[in-house]
PDB file of N, CA and C in Angstrom:
ATOM      1  N   UNK A   1      58.483 -22.450-208.467  1.00  0.00           N
ATOM      2  CA  UNK A   1      58.823 -21.468-209.478  1.00  0.00           C
ATOM      3  C   UNK A   1      57.549 -20.935-210.120  1.00  0.00           C
ATOM      4  N   UNK A   2      57.511 -19.651-210.395  1.00  0.00           N
ATOM      5  CA  UNK A   2      56.341 -19.022-210.996  1.00  0.00           C
ATOM      6  C   UNK A   2      56.528 -18.873-212.495  1.00  0.00           C
ATOM      7  N   UNK A   3      55.453 -19.073-213.218  1.00  0.00           N
ATOM      8  CA  UNK A   3      55.453 -18.871-214.661  1.00  0.00           C
ATOM      9  C   UNK A   3      54.406 -17.803-214.953  1.00  0.00           C
ATOM     10  N   UNK A   4      54.837 -16.707-215.578  1.00  0.00           N
ATOM     11  CA  UNK A   4      53.925 -15.612-215.890  1.00  0.00           C
ATOM     12  C   UNK A   4      53.618 -15.649-217.378  1.00  0.00           C
ATOM     13  N   UNK A   5      52.314 -15.594-217.713  1.00  0.00           N
ATOM     14  CA  UNK A   5      51.942 -15.517-219.122  1.00  0.00           C
ATOM     15  C   UNK A   5      50.733 -14.602-219.256  1.00  0.00           C
ATOM     16  N   UNK A   6      50.620 -14.013-220.406  1.00  0.00           N
ATOM     17  CA  UNK A   6      49.520 -13.099-220.686  1.00  0.00           C
ATOM     18  C   UNK A   6      48.576 -13.788-221.649  1.00  0.00           C
ATOM     19  N   UNK A   7      47.287 -13.847-221.287  1.00  0.00           N
ATOM     20  CA  UNK A   7      46.287 -14.482-222.129  1.00  0.00           C
ATOM     21  C   UNK A   7      45.050 -13.609-222.131  1.00  0.00           C
ATOM     22  N   UNK A   8      44.582 -13.241-223.303  1.00  0.00           N
ATOM     23  CA  UNK A   8      43.398 -12.406-223.465  1.00  0.00           C
ATOM     24  C   UNK A   8      43.501 -11.103-222.673  1.00  0.00           C
ATOM     25  N   UNK A   9      44.706 -10.542-222.611  1.00  0.00           N
ATOM     26  CA  UNK A   9      44.896  -9.271-221.943  1.00  0.00           C
ATOM     27  C   UNK A   9      44.981  -9.361-220.432  1.00  0.00           C
ATOM     28  N   UNK A  10      44.915 -10.581-219.868  1.00  0.00           N
ATOM     29  CA  UNK A  10      45.000 -10.737-218.420  1.00  0.00           C
ATOM     30  C   UNK A  10      46.265 -11.499-218.078  1.00  0.00           C
ATOM     31  N   UNK A  11      46.954 -10.996-217.072  1.00  0.00           N
ATOM     32  CA  UNK A  11      48.180 -11.627-216.612  1.00  0.00           C
ATOM     33  C   UNK A  11      47.824 -12.812-215.719  1.00  0.00           C
ATOM     34  N   UNK A  12      48.458 -13.949-215.979  1.00  0.00           N
ATOM     35  CA  UNK A  12      48.200 -15.141-215.183  1.00  0.00           C
ATOM     36  C   UNK A  12      49.525 -15.672-214.664  1.00  0.00           C
ATOM     37  N   UNK A  13      49.537 -16.066-213.414  1.00  0.00           N
ATOM     38  CA  UNK A  13      50.732 -16.644-212.815  1.00  0.00           C
ATOM     39  C   UNK A  13      50.388 -18.049-212.365  1.00  0.00           C
ATOM     40  N   UNK A  14      51.182 -19.031-212.806  1.00  0.00           N
ATOM     41  CA  UNK A  14      50.982 -20.403-212.370  1.00  0.00           C
ATOM     42  C   UNK A  14      52.050 -20.714-211.331  1.00  0.00           C
ATOM     43  N   UNK A  15      51.630 -21.042-210.153  1.00  0.00           N
ATOM     44  CA  UNK A  15      52.520 -21.384-209.055  1.00  0.00           C
ATOM     45  C   UNK A  15      52.150 -22.796-208.643  1.00  0.00           C
ATOM     46  N   UNK A  16      52.946 -23.756-209.026  1.00  0.00           N
ATOM     47  CA  UNK A  16      52.648 -25.181-208.870  1.00  0.00           C
ATOM     48  C   UNK A  16      51.283 -25.462-209.493  1.00  0.00           C
ATOM     49  N   UNK A  17      50.269 -25.779-208.688  1.00  0.00           N
ATOM     50  CA  UNK A  17      48.954 -26.100-209.253  1.00  0.00           C
ATOM     51  C   UNK A  17      47.993 -24.915-209.236  1.00  0.00           C
ATOM     52  N   UNK A  18      48.360 -23.830-208.555  1.00  0.00           N
ATOM     53  CA  UNK A  18      47.466 -22.679-208.454  1.00  0.00           C
ATOM     54  C   UNK A  18      47.580 -21.802-209.695  1.00  0.00           C
ATOM     55  N   UNK A  19      46.436 -21.344-210.184  1.00  0.00           N
ATOM     56  CA  UNK A  19      46.407 -20.382-211.273  1.00  0.00           C
ATOM     57  C   UNK A  19      45.914 -19.066-210.688  1.00  0.00           C
ATOM     58  N   UNK A  20      46.741 -18.041-210.785  1.00  0.00           N
ATOM     59  CA  UNK A  20      46.391 -16.719-210.263  1.00  0.00           C
ATOM     60  C   UNK A  20      46.057 -15.818-211.439  1.00  0.00           C
ATOM     61  N   UNK A  21      44.861 -15.256-211.412  1.00  0.00           N
ATOM     62  CA  UNK A  21      44.419 -14.361-212.479  1.00  0.00           C
ATOM     63  C   UNK A  21      44.237 -12.970-211.885  1.00  0.00           C
ATOM     64  N   UNK A  22      44.913 -12.004-212.475  1.00  0.00           N
ATOM     65  CA  UNK A  22      44.784 -10.622-212.041  1.00  0.00           C
ATOM     66  C   UNK A  22      43.645  -9.970-212.809  1.00  0.00           C
ATOM     67  N   UNK A  23      42.645  -9.516-212.087  1.00  0.00           N
ATOM     68  CA  UNK A  23      41.486  -8.857-212.684  1.00  0.00           C
ATOM     69  C   UNK A  23      41.782  -7.362-212.761  1.00  0.00           C
ATOM     70  N   UNK A  24      41.573  -6.823-213.934  1.00  0.00           N
ATOM     71  CA  UNK A  24      41.776  -5.383-214.133  1.00  0.00           C
ATOM     72  C   UNK A  24      40.453  -4.758-214.536  1.00  0.00           C
ATOM     73  N   UNK A  25      40.478  -3.632-215.169  1.00  0.00           N
ATOM     74  CA  UNK A  25      39.248  -2.937-215.555  1.00  0.00           C
ATOM     75  C   UNK A  25      38.745  -3.354-216.927  1.00  0.00           C
ATOM     76  N   UNK A  26      38.925  -4.627-217.265  1.00  0.00           N
ATOM     77  CA  UNK A  26      38.378  -5.176-218.505  1.00  0.00           C
ATOM     78  C   UNK A  26      36.874  -5.400-218.315  1.00  0.00           C
ATOM     79  N   UNK A  27      36.125  -5.596-219.404  1.00  0.00           N
ATOM     80  CA  UNK A  27      34.698  -5.916-219.250  1.00  0.00           C
ATOM     81  C   UNK A  27      34.513  -7.164-218.368  1.00  0.00           C
ATOM     82  N   UNK A  28      33.561  -7.086-217.457  1.00  0.00           N
ATOM     83  CA  UNK A  28      33.372  -8.130-216.448  1.00  0.00           C
ATOM     84  C   UNK A  28      33.016  -9.480-217.080  1.00  0.00           C
ATOM     85  N   UNK A  29      32.123  -9.483-218.054  1.00  0.00           N
ATOM     86  CA  UNK A  29      31.724 -10.760-218.665  1.00  0.00           C
ATOM     87  C   UNK A  29      32.884 -11.408-219.412  1.00  0.00           C
ATOM     88  N   UNK A  30      33.707 -10.621-220.057  1.00  0.00           N
ATOM     89  CA  UNK A  30      34.881 -11.164-220.748  1.00  0.00           C
ATOM     90  C   UNK A  30      35.829 -11.805-219.735  1.00  0.00           C
ATOM     91  N   UNK A  31      36.046 -11.131-218.614  1.00  0.00           N
ATOM     92  CA  UNK A  31      36.903 -11.682-217.561  1.00  0.00           C
ATOM     93  C   UNK A  31      36.304 -12.955-216.984  1.00  0.00           C
ATOM     94  N   UNK A  32      34.977 -12.980-216.801  1.00  0.00           N
ATOM     95  CA  UNK A  32      34.306 -14.166-216.254  1.00  0.00           C
ATOM     96  C   UNK A  32      34.458 -15.362-217.190  1.00  0.00           C
ATOM     97  N   UNK A  33      34.337 -15.130-218.478  1.00  0.00           N
ATOM     98  CA  UNK A  33      34.498 -16.219-219.446  1.00  0.00           C
ATOM     99  C   UNK A  33      35.937 -16.727-219.444  1.00  0.00           C
ATOM    100  N   UNK A  34      36.903 -15.824-219.335  1.00  0.00           N
ATOM    101  CA  UNK A  34      38.313 -16.226-219.253  1.00  0.00           C
ATOM    102  C   UNK A  34      38.570 -17.069-218.006  1.00  0.00           C
ATOM    103  N   UNK A  35      38.005 -16.645-216.879  1.00  0.00           N
ATOM    104  CA  UNK A  35      38.171 -17.390-215.627  1.00  0.00           C
ATOM    105  C   UNK A  35      37.482 -18.751-215.737  1.00  0.00           C
ATOM    106  N   UNK A  36      36.303 -18.778-216.345  1.00  0.00           N
ATOM    107  CA  UNK A  36      35.569 -20.036-216.513  1.00  0.00           C
ATOM    108  C   UNK A  36      36.366 -21.036-217.340  1.00  0.00           C
ATOM    109  N   UNK A  37      37.034 -20.569-218.390  1.00  0.00           N
ATOM    110  CA  UNK A  37      37.835 -21.477-219.217  1.00  0.00           C
ATOM    111  C   UNK A  37      39.011 -22.029-218.425  1.00  0.00           C
ATOM    112  N   UNK A  38      39.604 -21.235-217.556  1.00  0.00           N
ATOM    113  CA  UNK A  38      40.699 -21.710-216.712  1.00  0.00           C
ATOM    114  C   UNK A  38      40.193 -22.661-215.627  1.00  0.00           C
ATOM    115  N   UNK A  39      39.007 -22.392-215.093  1.00  0.00           N
ATOM    116  CA  UNK A  39      38.442 -23.231-214.054  1.00  0.00           C
ATOM    117  C   UNK A  39      38.041 -24.600-214.600  1.00  0.00           C
ATOM    118  N   UNK A  40      37.796 -24.666-215.908  1.00  0.00           N
ATOM    119  CA  UNK A  40      37.510 -25.957-216.527  1.00  0.00           C
ATOM    120  C   UNK A  40      38.705 -26.884-216.500  1.00  0.00           C
ATOM    121  N   UNK A  41      39.907 -26.319-216.507  1.00  0.00           N
ATOM    122  CA  UNK A  41      41.138 -27.114-216.506  1.00  0.00           C
ATOM    123  C   UNK A  41      41.680 -27.371-215.109  1.00  0.00           C
ATOM    124  N   UNK A  42      41.389 -26.511-214.182  1.00  0.00           N
ATOM    125  CA  UNK A  42      41.946 -26.596-212.829  1.00  0.00           C
ATOM    126  C   UNK A  42      40.832 -26.706-211.806  1.00  0.00           C
ATOM    127  N   UNK A  43      41.183 -27.171-210.630  1.00  0.00           N
ATOM    128  CA  UNK A  43      40.214 -27.292-209.549  1.00  0.00           C
ATOM    129  C   UNK A  43      40.105 -26.001-208.740  1.00  0.00           C
ATOM    130  N   UNK A  44      41.159 -25.187-208.771  1.00  0.00           N
ATOM    131  CA  UNK A  44      41.181 -23.961-207.971  1.00  0.00           C
ATOM    132  C   UNK A  44      41.780 -22.814-208.773  1.00  0.00           C
ATOM    133  N   UNK A  45      41.145 -21.651-208.666  1.00  0.00           N
ATOM    134  CA  UNK A  45      41.598 -20.424-209.322  1.00  0.00           C
ATOM    135  C   UNK A  45      41.676 -19.336-208.250  1.00  0.00           C
ATOM    136  N   UNK A  46      42.704 -18.513-208.331  1.00  0.00           N
ATOM    137  CA  UNK A  46      42.840 -17.390-207.407  1.00  0.00           C
ATOM    138  C   UNK A  46      42.688 -16.098-208.209  1.00  0.00           C
ATOM    139  N   UNK A  47      41.707 -15.293-207.831  1.00  0.00           N
ATOM    140  CA  UNK A  47      41.495 -13.988-208.460  1.00  0.00           C
ATOM    141  C   UNK A  47      42.130 -12.931-207.568  1.00  0.00           C
ATOM    142  N   UNK A  48      42.902 -12.038-208.177  1.00  0.00           N
ATOM    143  CA  UNK A  48      43.507 -10.934-207.428  1.00  0.00           C
ATOM    144  C   UNK A  48      43.182  -9.626-208.128  1.00  0.00           C
ATOM    145  N   UNK A  49      42.972  -8.591-207.325  1.00  0.00           N
ATOM    146  CA  UNK A  49      42.702  -7.261-207.877  1.00  0.00           C
ATOM    147  C   UNK A  49      43.185  -6.212-206.887  1.00  0.00           C
ATOM    148  N   UNK A  50      43.446  -5.023-207.422  1.00  0.00           N
ATOM    149  CA  UNK A  50      43.897  -3.891-206.612  1.00  0.00           C
ATOM    150  C   UNK A  50      43.033  -2.674-206.908  1.00  0.00           C
ATOM    151  N   UNK A  51      42.842  -1.854-205.888  1.00  0.00           N
ATOM    152  CA  UNK A  51      42.203  -0.551-206.047  1.00  0.00           C
ATOM    153  C   UNK A  51      40.842  -0.580-206.705  1.00  0.00           C
ATOM    154  N   UNK A  52      40.713   0.184-207.783  1.00  0.00           N
ATOM    155  CA  UNK A  52      39.435   0.321-208.477  1.00  0.00           C
ATOM    156  C   UNK A  52      38.992  -0.941-209.198  1.00  0.00           C
ATOM    157  N   UNK A  53      39.845  -1.947-209.301  1.00  0.00           N
ATOM    158  CA  UNK A  53      39.485  -3.203-209.961  1.00  0.00           C
ATOM    159  C   UNK A  53      38.829  -4.198-209.008  1.00  0.00           C
ATOM    160  N   UNK A  54      38.795  -3.900-207.718  1.00  0.00           N
ATOM    161  CA  UNK A  54      38.211  -4.815-206.737  1.00  0.00           C
ATOM    162  C   UNK A  54      36.737  -5.128-207.033  1.00  0.00           C
ATOM    163  N   UNK A  55      35.889  -4.144-207.347  1.00  0.00           N
ATOM    164  CA  UNK A  55      34.492  -4.485-207.666  1.00  0.00           C
ATOM    165  C   UNK A  55      34.377  -5.431-208.863  1.00  0.00           C
ATOM    166  N   UNK A  56      35.274  -5.308-209.838  1.00  0.00           N
ATOM    167  CA  UNK A  56      35.251  -6.220-210.987  1.00  0.00           C
ATOM    168  C   UNK A  56      35.569  -7.643-210.556  1.00  0.00           C
ATOM    169  N   UNK A  57      36.541  -7.815-209.659  1.00  0.00           N
ATOM    170  CA  UNK A  57      36.902  -9.149-209.183  1.00  0.00           C
ATOM    171  C   UNK A  57      35.744  -9.785-208.416  1.00  0.00           C
ATOM    172  N   UNK A  58      35.072  -8.999-207.593  1.00  0.00           N
ATOM    173  CA  UNK A  58      33.917  -9.499-206.844  1.00  0.00           C
ATOM    174  C   UNK A  58      32.799  -9.887-207.808  1.00  0.00           C
ATOM    175  N   UNK A  59      32.564  -9.064-208.819  1.00  0.00           N
ATOM    176  CA  UNK A  59      31.530  -9.360-209.808  1.00  0.00           C
ATOM    177  C   UNK A  59      31.855 -10.638-210.582  1.00  0.00           C
ATOM    178  N   UNK A  60      33.112 -10.813-210.978  1.00  0.00           N
ATOM    179  CA  UNK A  60      33.527 -12.021-211.700  1.00  0.00           C
ATOM    180  C   UNK A  60      33.297 -13.254-210.828  1.00  0.00           C
ATOM    181  N   UNK A  61      33.698 -13.184-209.555  1.00  0.00           N
ATOM    182  CA  UNK A  61      33.504 -14.321-208.649  1.00  0.00           C
ATOM    183  C   UNK A  61      32.022 -14.651-208.489  1.00  0.00           C
ATOM    184  N   UNK A  62      31.187 -13.635-208.362  1.00  0.00           N
ATOM    185  CA  UNK A  62      29.747 -13.865-208.234  1.00  0.00           C
ATOM    186  C   UNK A  62      29.141 -14.440-209.501  1.00  0.00           C
ATOM    187  N   UNK A  63      29.558 -13.952-210.646  1.00  0.00           N
ATOM    188  CA  UNK A  63      29.041 -14.475-211.914  1.00  0.00           C
ATOM    189  C   UNK A  63      29.401 -15.951-212.067  1.00  0.00           C
ATOM    190  N   UNK A  64      30.635 -16.304-211.720  1.00  0.00           N
ATOM    191  CA  UNK A  64      31.068 -17.699-211.830  1.00  0.00           C
ATOM    192  C   UNK A  64      30.276 -18.582-210.878  1.00  0.00           C
ATOM    193  N   UNK A  65      30.205 -18.202-209.590  1.00  0.00           N
ATOM    194  CA  UNK A  65      29.605 -19.091-208.587  1.00  0.00           C
ATOM    195  C   UNK A  65      28.077 -19.074-208.579  1.00  0.00           C
ATOM    196  N   UNK A  66      27.454 -17.961-208.982  1.00  0.00           N
ATOM    197  CA  UNK A  66      25.999 -17.866-208.910  1.00  0.00           C
ATOM    198  C   UNK A  66      25.286 -18.057-210.244  1.00  0.00           C
ATOM    199  N   UNK A  67      25.972 -17.862-211.339  1.00  0.00           N
ATOM    200  CA  UNK A  67      25.318 -17.968-212.654  1.00  0.00           C
ATOM    201  C   UNK A  67      25.898 -19.084-213.510  1.00  0.00           C
ATOM    202  N   UNK A  68      27.183 -19.013-213.810  1.00  0.00           N
ATOM    203  CA  UNK A  68      27.782 -19.939-214.770  1.00  0.00           C
ATOM    204  C   UNK A  68      27.977 -21.347-214.211  1.00  0.00           C
ATOM    205  N   UNK A  69      28.404 -21.445-212.957  1.00  0.00           N
ATOM    206  CA  UNK A  69      28.681 -22.758-212.370  1.00  0.00           C
ATOM    207  C   UNK A  69      27.941 -22.934-211.046  1.00  0.00           C
ATOM    208  N   UNK A  70      26.693 -22.512-211.004  1.00  0.00           N
ATOM    209  CA  UNK A  70      25.904 -22.587-209.774  1.00  0.00           C
ATOM    210  C   UNK A  70      25.801 -24.043-209.316  1.00  0.00           C
ATOM    211  N   UNK A  71      26.171 -24.286-208.082  1.00  0.00           N
ATOM    212  CA  UNK A  71      26.141 -25.631-207.524  1.00  0.00           C
ATOM    213  C   UNK A  71      27.399 -26.442-207.808  1.00  0.00           C
ATOM    214  N   UNK A  72      28.238 -25.979-208.736  1.00  0.00           N
ATOM    215  CA  UNK A  72      29.462 -26.703-209.093  1.00  0.00           C
ATOM    216  C   UNK A  72      30.727 -25.957-208.687  1.00  0.00           C
ATOM    217  N   UNK A  73      30.570 -24.793-208.068  1.00  0.00           N
ATOM    218  CA  UNK A  73      31.733 -24.020-207.636  1.00  0.00           C
ATOM    219  C   UNK A  73      31.372 -23.255-206.376  1.00  0.00           C
ATOM    220  N   UNK A  74      32.403 -22.854-205.656  1.00  0.00           N
ATOM    221  CA  UNK A  74      32.164 -22.058-204.451  1.00  0.00           C
ATOM    222  C   UNK A  74      33.357 -21.147-204.201  1.00  0.00           C
ATOM    223  N   UNK A  75      33.100 -20.088-203.442  1.00  0.00           N
ATOM    224  CA  UNK A  75      34.165 -19.202-203.001  1.00  0.00           C
ATOM    225  C   UNK A  75      34.704 -19.793-201.706  1.00  0.00           C
ATOM    226  N   UNK A  76      35.957 -20.197-201.732  1.00  0.00           N
ATOM    227  CA  UNK A  76      36.549 -20.823-200.548  1.00  0.00           C
ATOM    228  C   UNK A  76      37.005 -19.792-199.530  1.00  0.00           C
ATOM    229  N   UNK A  77      37.645 -18.731-200.031  1.00  0.00           N
ATOM    230  CA  UNK A  77      38.222 -17.757-199.109  1.00  0.00           C
ATOM    231  C   UNK A  77      38.339 -16.402-199.790  1.00  0.00           C
ATOM    232  N   UNK A  78      38.143 -15.349-199.017  1.00  0.00           N
ATOM    233  CA  UNK A  78      38.352 -13.982-199.488  1.00  0.00           C
ATOM    234  C   UNK A  78      39.343 -13.328-198.533  1.00  0.00           C
ATOM    235  N   UNK A  79      40.420 -12.796-199.098  1.00  0.00           N
ATOM    236  CA  UNK A  79      41.450 -12.154-198.277  1.00  0.00           C
ATOM    237  C   UNK A  79      41.578 -10.695-198.711  1.00  0.00           C
ATOM    238  N   UNK A  80      41.418  -9.796-197.771  1.00  0.00           N
ATOM    239  CA  UNK A  80      41.554  -8.365-198.020  1.00  0.00           C
ATOM    240  C   UNK A  80      42.847  -7.873-197.388  1.00  0.00           C
ATOM    241  N   UNK A  81      43.501  -6.937-198.051  1.00  0.00           N
ATOM    242  CA  UNK A  81      44.757  -6.406-197.535  1.00  0.00           C
ATOM    243  C   UNK A  81      44.920  -4.973-198.036  1.00  0.00           C
ATOM    244  N   UNK A  82      45.883  -4.287-197.478  1.00  0.00           N
ATOM    245  CA  UNK A  82      46.206  -2.930-197.903  1.00  0.00           C
ATOM    246  C   UNK A  82      47.705  -2.801-198.051  1.00  0.00           C
ATOM    247  N   UNK A  83      48.116  -2.236-199.170  1.00  0.00           N
ATOM    248  CA  UNK A  83      49.528  -1.946-199.406  1.00  0.00           C
ATOM    249  C   UNK A  83      49.716  -0.448-199.248  1.00  0.00           C
ATOM    250  N   UNK A  84      50.804  -0.055-198.604  1.00  0.00           N
ATOM    251  CA  UNK A  84      51.064   1.375-198.462  1.00  0.00           C
ATOM    252  C   UNK A  84      52.410   1.707-199.103  1.00  0.00           C
ATOM    253  N   UNK A  85      52.433   2.813-199.798  1.00  0.00           N
ATOM    254  CA  UNK A  85      53.661   3.272-200.443  1.00  0.00           C
ATOM    255  C   UNK A  85      54.550   3.914-199.391  1.00  0.00           C
ATOM    256  N   UNK A  86      55.836   3.581-199.384  1.00  0.00           N
ATOM    257  CA  UNK A  86      56.725   4.154-198.369  1.00  0.00           C
ATOM    258  C   UNK A  86      56.898   5.665-198.561  1.00  0.00           C
ATOM    259  N   UNK A  87      56.831   6.368-197.463  1.00  0.00           N
ATOM    260  CA  UNK A  87      57.086   7.800-197.494  1.00  0.00           C
ATOM    261  C   UNK A  87      55.882   8.649-197.811  1.00  0.00           C
ATOM    262  N   UNK A  88      55.073   8.233-198.757  1.00  0.00           N
ATOM    263  CA  UNK A  88      53.946   9.048-199.211  1.00  0.00           C
ATOM    264  C   UNK A  88      52.744   8.885-198.292  1.00  0.00           C
ATOM    265  N   UNK A  89      52.534   7.679-197.794  1.00  0.00           N
ATOM    266  CA  UNK A  89      51.394   7.420-196.940  1.00  0.00           C
ATOM    267  C   UNK A  89      50.153   7.021-197.713  1.00  0.00           C
ATOM    268  N   UNK A  90      50.260   6.896-199.014  1.00  0.00           N
ATOM    269  CA  UNK A  90      49.119   6.485-199.831  1.00  0.00           C
ATOM    270  C   UNK A  90      48.900   4.990-199.662  1.00  0.00           C
ATOM    271  N   UNK A  91      47.634   4.594-199.519  1.00  0.00           N
ATOM    272  CA  UNK A  91      47.303   3.197-199.307  1.00  0.00           C
ATOM    273  C   UNK A  91      46.488   2.656-200.477  1.00  0.00           C
ATOM    274  N   UNK A  92      46.751   1.387-200.818  1.00  0.00           N
ATOM    275  CA  UNK A  92      46.071   0.743-201.925  1.00  0.00           C
ATOM    276  C   UNK A  92      45.488  -0.581-201.435  1.00  0.00           C
ATOM    277  N   UNK A  93      44.176  -0.733-201.544  1.00  0.00           N
ATOM    278  CA  UNK A  93      43.512  -1.958-201.110  1.00  0.00           C
ATOM    279  C   UNK A  93      43.699  -3.054-202.142  1.00  0.00           C
ATOM    280  N   UNK A  94      43.788  -4.295-201.654  1.00  0.00           N
ATOM    281  CA  UNK A  94      43.894  -5.466-202.530  1.00  0.00           C
ATOM    282  C   UNK A  94      42.915  -6.526-202.057  1.00  0.00           C
ATOM    283  N   UNK A  95      42.536  -7.406-202.982  1.00  0.00           N
ATOM    284  CA  UNK A  95      41.647  -8.522-202.652  1.00  0.00           C
ATOM    285  C   UNK A  95      42.153  -9.778-203.344  1.00  0.00           C
ATOM    286  N   UNK A  96      41.962 -10.896-202.675  1.00  0.00           N
ATOM    287  CA  UNK A  96      42.285 -12.203-203.246  1.00  0.00           C
ATOM    288  C   UNK A  96      41.080 -13.104-202.983  1.00  0.00           C
ATOM    289  N   UNK A  97      40.510 -13.651-204.054  1.00  0.00           N
ATOM    290  CA  UNK A  97      39.328 -14.506-203.952  1.00  0.00           C
ATOM    291  C   UNK A  97      39.720 -15.879-204.494  1.00  0.00           C
ATOM    292  N   UNK A  98      39.548 -16.908-203.666  1.00  0.00           N
ATOM    293  CA  UNK A  98      39.879 -18.274-204.075  1.00  0.00           C
ATOM    294  C   UNK A  98      38.586 -18.982-204.464  1.00  0.00           C
ATOM    295  N   UNK A  99      38.509 -19.400-205.731  1.00  0.00           N
ATOM    296  CA  UNK A  99      37.357 -20.131-206.260  1.00  0.00           C
ATOM    297  C   UNK A  99      37.720 -21.608-206.406  1.00  0.00           C
ATOM    298  N   UNK A 100      36.826 -22.478-205.944  1.00  0.00           N
ATOM    299  CA  UNK A 100      37.030 -23.917-206.084  1.00  0.00           C
ATOM    300  C   UNK A 100      35.917 -24.521-206.917  1.00  0.00           C
ATOM    301  N   UNK A 101      36.286 -25.500-207.708  1.00  0.00           N
ATOM    302  CA  UNK A 101      35.311 -26.284-208.457  1.00  0.00           C
ATOM    303  C   UNK A 101      34.937 -27.476-207.584  1.00  0.00           C
ATOM    304  N   UNK A 102      33.666 -27.720-207.430  1.00  0.00           N
ATOM    305  CA  UNK A 102      33.219 -28.838-206.588  1.00  0.00           C
ATOM    306  C   UNK A 102      33.130 -30.113-207.409  1.00  0.00           C
TER     307      UNK A 102
END
């Protein structure tokens, strides 16, 4: 069962032990600090973003793994996908980045 809650303007979904954080066009450092606080409680965090928010998600993942928790975290997997709207033909790119605490 999924539990959806909003914290600091970011939607988070808890699915069993996974915490999914949707990255939007919020300031990158604010999002990184929010993710860092969640990563302190959990071993794995999943970052998801769509469209123009994808660069923010990549930046947040890099800030966490290369600056804030260097040597204590890693990017386990990056999944790219595209969603297409029926009938219109418009496509929307999505990204999912799985961060693990070592």
